[in-house]
Amino acid sequence: MAQSSCTIGPGIKVNGRISGDDELIVFGNVEGTIALQNSLAVEEGGSVVADVDVESAVIRGELNGEVVARQAIELVDGSVVTGNLRAPRIIIEEGARFQGNIDMDVQLEGE
């Protein structure tokens, strides 16, 4: 089955809980919680104020909240992240701004 994605456009604001199996791409604003079996991408200009539980996350915009990823979290140059990060692999590019704690001692399911 092909992977699908959901995009929240730049003029859209979502308040509440987002959950599902698809990839989520955020160009707009999300406040609440995000729980996905797939990945999250917060694009440049996008803003997320939420606790996040995903397979992986790539942040190019702004994120405020706790992020738990089963695979990896990547903070790209220009991103602004405030909160705690928890994943087996965390990449912070030069130019990314981050304030919070990092926990990479994560037990994956099945271990």
Protein backbone atom coordinates (compact mmCIF):
# COMPACT_ATOMS: atom_id res chain seq x y z
CA MET A 1 0.00 0.00 0.00
CA ALA A 2 1.38 3.42 -0.94
CA GLN A 3 2.22 5.87 1.79
CA SER A 4 -0.01 8.90 1.88
CA SER A 5 0.37 12.24 3.58
CA CYS A 6 -1.78 14.99 5.00
CA THR A 7 -0.80 18.63 4.56
CA ILE A 8 -1.89 21.51 6.77
CA GLY A 9 -1.52 24.59 4.58
CA PRO A 10 -0.03 27.95 5.55
CA GLY A 11 -3.42 29.60 6.17
CA ILE A 12 -4.80 26.77 8.34
CA LYS A 13 -4.87 26.58 12.14
CA VAL A 14 -5.76 23.30 13.87
CA ASN A 15 -6.57 22.98 17.59
CA GLY A 16 -6.96 19.53 19.14
CA ARG A 17 -5.66 16.01 18.73
CA ILE A 18 -4.27 14.70 15.45
CA SER A 19 -3.73 10.96 15.12
CA GLY A 20 -3.40 8.48 12.30
CA ASP A 21 -1.20 6.35 10.07
CA ASP A 22 -0.26 8.93 7.42
CA GLU A 23 2.64 11.35 7.27
CA LEU A 24 1.73 14.87 8.45
CA ILE A 25 3.26 17.94 6.81
CA VAL A 26 2.65 21.25 8.60
CA PHE A 27 2.96 24.61 6.84
CA GLY A 28 0.29 26.23 9.06
CA ASN A 29 -0.34 26.13 12.82
CA VAL A 30 -1.16 23.16 15.05
CA GLU A 31 -1.93 23.30 18.78
CA GLY A 32 -2.76 20.23 20.89
CA THR A 33 -1.33 16.74 20.52
CA ILE A 34 0.01 14.76 17.57
CA ALA A 35 0.22 10.95 17.63
CA LEU A 36 1.18 9.28 14.35
CA GLN A 37 2.34 5.87 13.19
CA ASN A 38 4.29 7.74 10.51
CA SER A 39 6.43 10.87 10.29
CA LEU A 40 5.91 14.56 11.03
CA ALA A 41 7.44 17.40 9.02
CA VAL A 42 7.11 20.96 10.31
CA GLU A 43 8.05 23.09 7.33
CA GLU A 44 9.53 26.59 7.25
CA GLY A 45 6.79 28.98 8.35
CA GLY A 46 4.93 26.17 10.13
CA SER A 47 4.32 26.24 13.88
CA VAL A 48 3.45 23.37 16.23
CA VAL A 49 2.62 23.81 19.91
CA ALA A 50 1.97 20.21 20.90
CA ASP A 51 3.26 17.06 22.51
CA VAL A 52 4.30 14.79 19.65
CA ASP A 53 4.58 10.98 19.40
CA VAL A 54 5.69 9.86 15.92
CA GLU A 55 7.88 7.45 13.97
CA SER A 56 10.24 10.29 12.97
CA ALA A 57 10.23 14.09 12.85
CA VAL A 58 11.93 16.71 10.71
CA ILE A 59 11.58 20.27 11.98
CA ARG A 60 12.27 23.20 9.65
CA GLY A 61 9.86 25.66 11.33
CA GLU A 62 8.92 26.16 14.99
CA LEU A 63 7.94 23.55 17.55
CA ASN A 64 7.15 23.95 21.23
CA GLY A 65 6.48 20.73 23.16
CA GLU A 66 7.79 17.29 23.96
CA VAL A 67 8.77 15.17 20.95
CA VAL A 68 9.05 11.38 21.19
CA ALA A 69 10.13 9.57 18.02
CA ARG A 70 10.68 5.85 17.56
CA GLN A 71 13.36 6.39 14.87
CA ALA A 72 14.85 9.89 14.63
CA ILE A 73 14.36 13.62 15.18
CA GLU A 74 16.07 16.13 12.90
CA LEU A 75 16.30 19.87 13.61
CA VAL A 76 17.18 21.64 10.38
CA ASP A 77 19.10 24.92 10.03
CA GLY A 78 16.69 27.75 10.84
CA SER A 79 14.35 25.69 13.02
CA VAL A 80 13.38 26.87 16.52
CA VAL A 81 12.52 24.12 19.01
CA THR A 82 11.65 24.48 22.68
CA GLY A 83 10.97 21.30 24.64
CA ASN A 84 12.31 17.85 25.34
CA LEU A 85 13.43 15.46 22.60
CA ARG A 86 13.44 11.68 22.99
CA ALA A 87 14.59 9.35 20.20
CA PRO A 88 17.34 6.81 19.47
CA ARG A 89 18.82 9.24 16.90
CA ILE A 90 18.76 13.05 17.14
CA ILE A 91 20.33 15.33 14.53
CA ILE A 92 20.74 19.05 15.21
CA GLU A 93 22.12 20.98 12.26
CA GLU A 94 24.27 24.05 12.70
CA GLY A 95 21.93 27.06 12.73
CA ALA A 96 19.06 25.24 14.44
CA ARG A 97 17.95 26.75 17.75
CA PHE A 98 17.07 24.33 20.55
CA GLN A 99 16.23 24.74 24.23
CA GLY A 100 15.36 21.70 26.32
CA ASN A 101 16.59 18.24 27.20
CA ILE A 102 17.64 15.34 25.01
CA ASP A 103 17.12 11.65 25.87
CA MET A 104 18.69 9.18 23.45
CA ASP A 105 18.58 6.17 25.81
CA VAL A 106 15.37 4.87 24.27
CA GLN A 107 14.27 1.24 24.27
CA LEU A 108 12.54 0.40 21.00
CA GLU A 109 9.49 -1.83 21.04
CA GLY A 110 10.43 -5.51 20.89
CA GLU A 111 13.81 -5.11 22.62
